[in-house]
Amino acid sequence: QVQLVESGGGLVQPGSSLRLSCVISGLTLDYYGVSWFRQAPGKEREGVSGINGGDGSTVYSDSLKGRFTISRDAAKNKVYLEMNGLQPDDTGVYYCAADYIPLGRKLQLNDPDEYDYWGQGTQVTVSS
């Protein structure tokens, strides 16, 4: 059984940092990309960042690159999202998701429907 479980969300003030964690079980991450998406109230789900489990390559949303950093601990089957300089616009539910990556295909953030497995999400609220 495949499970993705996010943690690390919370209520923080503008300018703060948070580190989200995603623990993945039931998958061999060598063949999957794991990405973070977020969804603000009334908005569509937005890709934030992803990491290819096979080669460790990363992708970022252009608007968030520089403030957010994705990383992994392959031994623990965990993927992290370090978020710095948080602003109220970063408020939303943050999800991790896994996408099977056939040889030669690149990890993408544009189409959440392509992803095979999702976690339940963790709430991030940035407010003074």
C-alpha atoms as a PDB file:
ATOM      1  CA  GLN A   1       0.000   0.000   0.000  1.00  0.00           C
ATOM      2  CA  VAL A   2       1.393   3.370  -1.053  1.00  0.00           C
ATOM      3  CA  GLN A   3       1.296   6.172   1.500  1.00  0.00           C
ATOM      4  CA  LEU A   4       2.569   9.717   1.466  1.00  0.00           C
ATOM      5  CA  VAL A   5       2.345  11.558   4.763  1.00  0.00           C
ATOM      6  CA  GLU A   6       3.141  15.252   5.073  1.00  0.00           C
ATOM      7  CA  SER A   7       4.026  17.104   8.241  1.00  0.00           C
ATOM      8  CA  GLY A   8       5.590  20.361   9.378  1.00  0.00           C
ATOM      9  CA  GLY A   9       2.906  22.878   8.532  1.00  0.00           C
ATOM     10  CA  GLY A  10       1.677  25.505  10.940  1.00  0.00           C
ATOM     11  CA  LEU A  11       0.894  29.135  11.622  1.00  0.00           C
ATOM     12  CA  VAL A  12       3.860  31.457  11.207  1.00  0.00           C
ATOM     13  CA  GLN A  13       4.515  35.169  10.881  1.00  0.00           C
ATOM     14  CA  PRO A  14       5.630  36.809   7.637  1.00  0.00           C
ATOM     15  CA  GLY A  15       9.348  36.390   7.063  1.00  0.00           C
ATOM     16  CA  SER A  16       9.475  33.075   8.925  1.00  0.00           C
ATOM     17  CA  SER A  17      10.737  29.712   7.729  1.00  0.00           C
ATOM     18  CA  LEU A  18       9.225  26.251   7.794  1.00  0.00           C
ATOM     19  CA  ARG A  19      10.419  22.823   6.777  1.00  0.00           C
ATOM     20  CA  LEU A  20       7.833  20.402   5.463  1.00  0.00           C
ATOM     21  CA  SER A  21       8.449  16.665   5.424  1.00  0.00           C
ATOM     22  CA  CYS A  22       6.918  13.937   3.300  1.00  0.00           C
ATOM     23  CA  VAL A  23       7.409  10.309   4.275  1.00  0.00           C
ATOM     24  CA  ILE A  24       6.783   7.862   1.441  1.00  0.00           C
ATOM     25  CA  SER A  25       6.107   4.161   1.876  1.00  0.00           C
ATOM     26  CA  GLY A  26       5.193   1.404  -0.556  1.00  0.00           C
ATOM     27  CA  LEU A  27       7.204   2.858  -3.447  1.00  0.00           C
ATOM     28  CA  THR A  28      10.675   2.399  -4.844  1.00  0.00           C
ATOM     29  CA  LEU A  29      11.637   6.031  -5.203  1.00  0.00           C
ATOM     30  CA  ASP A  30      14.283   5.270  -7.825  1.00  0.00           C
ATOM     31  CA  TYR A  31      11.442   5.202 -10.369  1.00  0.00           C
ATOM     32  CA  TYR A  32       9.388   8.109  -9.087  1.00  0.00           C
ATOM     33  CA  GLY A  33       9.551  11.839  -8.833  1.00  0.00           C
ATOM     34  CA  VAL A  34       8.216  13.416  -5.679  1.00  0.00           C
ATOM     35  CA  SER A  35       6.880  16.943  -5.828  1.00  0.00           C
ATOM     36  CA  TRP A  36       5.267  19.513  -3.612  1.00  0.00           C
ATOM     37  CA  PHE A  37       2.097  21.253  -4.683  1.00  0.00           C
ATOM     38  CA  ARG A  38       0.079  23.849  -2.856  1.00  0.00           C
ATOM     39  CA  GLN A  39      -3.489  25.047  -3.008  1.00  0.00           C
ATOM     40  CA  ALA A  40      -4.747  28.325  -1.640  1.00  0.00           C
ATOM     41  CA  PRO A  41      -8.447  28.849  -0.920  1.00  0.00           C
ATOM     42  CA  GLY A  42     -10.327  29.456  -4.143  1.00  0.00           C
ATOM     43  CA  LYS A  43      -7.286  28.780  -6.329  1.00  0.00           C
ATOM     44  CA  GLU A  44      -6.051  25.898  -8.428  1.00  0.00           C
ATOM     45  CA  ARG A  45      -3.402  23.521  -7.212  1.00  0.00           C
ATOM     46  CA  GLU A  46       0.042  24.915  -8.030  1.00  0.00           C
ATOM     47  CA  GLY A  47       3.315  23.065  -8.480  1.00  0.00           C
ATOM     48  CA  VAL A  48       6.043  24.234  -6.109  1.00  0.00           C
ATOM     49  CA  SER A  49       9.043  21.963  -6.522  1.00  0.00           C
ATOM     50  CA  GLY A  50       9.951  18.389  -7.379  1.00  0.00           C
ATOM     51  CA  ILE A  51      12.846  15.987  -7.095  1.00  0.00           C
ATOM     52  CA  ASN A  52      13.591  12.983  -9.284  1.00  0.00           C
ATOM     53  CA  GLY A  53      14.091   9.933  -7.098  1.00  0.00           C
ATOM     54  CA  GLY A  54      16.393   8.350  -9.641  1.00  0.00           C
ATOM     55  CA  ASP A  55      19.011  11.009 -10.276  1.00  0.00           C
ATOM     56  CA  GLY A  56      18.161  13.644  -7.666  1.00  0.00           C
ATOM     57  CA  SER A  57      17.548  16.373 -10.229  1.00  0.00           C
ATOM     58  CA  THR A  58      15.184  19.118  -9.128  1.00  0.00           C
ATOM     59  CA  VAL A  59      12.606  21.433 -10.635  1.00  0.00           C
ATOM     60  CA  TYR A  60      11.108  24.589  -9.193  1.00  0.00           C
ATOM     61  CA  SER A  61       8.307  26.967  -9.911  1.00  0.00           C
ATOM     62  CA  ASP A  62       9.956  30.056 -11.399  1.00  0.00           C
ATOM     63  CA  SER A  63       8.178  32.312  -8.925  1.00  0.00           C
ATOM     64  CA  LEU A  64       9.402  30.384  -5.886  1.00  0.00           C
ATOM     65  CA  LYS A  65      12.924  29.450  -6.842  1.00  0.00           C
ATOM     66  CA  GLY A  66      15.358  31.042  -4.431  1.00  0.00           C
ATOM     67  CA  ARG A  67      13.070  30.963  -1.414  1.00  0.00           C
ATOM     68  CA  PHE A  68      12.139  27.275  -1.412  1.00  0.00           C
ATOM     69  CA  THR A  69      14.530  24.330  -1.482  1.00  0.00           C
ATOM     70  CA  ILE A  70      13.633  20.689  -2.009  1.00  0.00           C
ATOM     71  CA  SER A  71      15.802  17.848  -0.763  1.00  0.00           C
ATOM     72  CA  ARG A  72      15.567  14.160   0.031  1.00  0.00           C
ATOM     73  CA  ASP A  73      16.846  11.552   2.401  1.00  0.00           C
ATOM     74  CA  ALA A  74      16.852   8.453   0.224  1.00  0.00           C
ATOM     75  CA  ALA A  75      17.687   6.134   3.114  1.00  0.00           C
ATOM     76  CA  LYS A  76      14.589   7.285   5.022  1.00  0.00           C
ATOM     77  CA  ASN A  77      12.323   7.674   1.973  1.00  0.00           C
ATOM     78  CA  LYS A  78      11.706  11.278   2.939  1.00  0.00           C
ATOM     79  CA  VAL A  79      11.437  14.433   0.882  1.00  0.00           C
ATOM     80  CA  TYR A  80      11.685  17.864   2.450  1.00  0.00           C
ATOM     81  CA  LEU A  81      10.663  21.366   1.428  1.00  0.00           C
ATOM     82  CA  GLU A  82      12.536  24.177   3.144  1.00  0.00           C
ATOM     83  CA  MET A  83      10.582  27.416   2.859  1.00  0.00           C
ATOM     84  CA  ASN A  84      12.154  30.758   3.716  1.00  0.00           C
ATOM     85  CA  GLY A  85      10.850  34.301   3.718  1.00  0.00           C
ATOM     86  CA  LEU A  86       7.254  33.143   3.957  1.00  0.00           C
ATOM     87  CA  GLN A  87       4.569  35.644   3.006  1.00  0.00           C
ATOM     88  CA  PRO A  88       0.779  35.623   3.336  1.00  0.00           C
ATOM     89  CA  ASP A  89       0.521  34.590  -0.341  1.00  0.00           C
ATOM     90  CA  ASP A  90       2.259  31.340   0.597  1.00  0.00           C
ATOM     91  CA  THR A  91      -0.745  30.334   2.705  1.00  0.00           C
ATOM     92  CA  GLY A  92      -2.426  27.129   1.622  1.00  0.00           C
ATOM     93  CA  VAL A  93      -2.503  23.382   1.916  1.00  0.00           C
ATOM     94  CA  TYR A  94       0.784  21.815   0.840  1.00  0.00           C
ATOM     95  CA  TYR A  95       0.682  18.354  -0.678  1.00  0.00           C
ATOM     96  CA  CYS A  96       3.384  15.941  -1.677  1.00  0.00           C
ATOM     97  CA  ALA A  97       2.768  13.685  -4.644  1.00  0.00           C
ATOM     98  CA  ALA A  98       4.594  10.912  -6.484  1.00  0.00           C
ATOM     99  CA  ASP A  99       4.774  10.513 -10.257  1.00  0.00           C
ATOM    100  CA  TYR A 100       6.143   7.449 -12.041  1.00  0.00           C
ATOM    101  CA  ILE A 101       8.979   8.667 -14.310  1.00  0.00           C
ATOM    102  CA  PRO A 102       9.687   6.426 -17.315  1.00  0.00           C
ATOM    103  CA  LEU A 103      13.224   6.495 -18.627  1.00  0.00           C
ATOM    104  CA  GLY A 104      13.780   9.655 -20.647  1.00  0.00           C
ATOM    105  CA  ARG A 105      10.851  11.632 -19.260  1.00  0.00           C
ATOM    106  CA  LYS A 106      11.446  14.652 -17.107  1.00  0.00           C
ATOM    107  CA  LEU A 107       9.660  15.509 -13.905  1.00  0.00           C
ATOM    108  CA  GLN A 108       7.058  18.226 -14.451  1.00  0.00           C
ATOM    109  CA  LEU A 109       5.016  20.474 -12.190  1.00  0.00           C
ATOM    110  CA  ASN A 110       2.448  21.729 -14.674  1.00  0.00           C
ATOM    111  CA  ASP A 111      -0.087  18.916 -14.597  1.00  0.00           C
ATOM    112  CA  PRO A 112      -1.055  17.595 -11.147  1.00  0.00           C
ATOM    113  CA  ASP A 113      -3.350  15.023 -12.794  1.00  0.00           C
ATOM    114  CA  GLU A 114      -0.284  13.169 -14.051  1.00  0.00           C
ATOM    115  CA  TYR A 115       0.710  12.307 -10.507  1.00  0.00           C
ATOM    116  CA  ASP A 116      -0.139   8.846  -9.268  1.00  0.00           C
ATOM    117  CA  TYR A 117      -0.164   9.191  -5.505  1.00  0.00           C
ATOM    118  CA  TRP A 118      -0.964  12.020  -3.118  1.00  0.00           C
ATOM    119  CA  GLY A 119      -0.693  12.751   0.557  1.00  0.00           C
ATOM    120  CA  GLN A 120      -3.443  14.294   2.628  1.00  0.00           C
ATOM    121  CA  GLY A 121      -1.771  17.700   2.853  1.00  0.00           C
ATOM    122  CA  THR A 122      -0.467  19.943   5.602  1.00  0.00           C
ATOM    123  CA  GLN A 123      -1.764  23.456   6.259  1.00  0.00           C
ATOM    124  CA  VAL A 124       0.599  26.405   6.109  1.00  0.00           C
ATOM    125  CA  THR A 125      -0.751  29.742   7.289  1.00  0.00           C
ATOM    126  CA  VAL A 126       1.330  32.900   7.119  1.00  0.00           C
ATOM    127  CA  SER A 127      -0.216  35.747   9.060  1.00  0.00           C
ATOM    128  CA  SER A 128       0.746  38.494  11.441  1.00  0.00           C
END
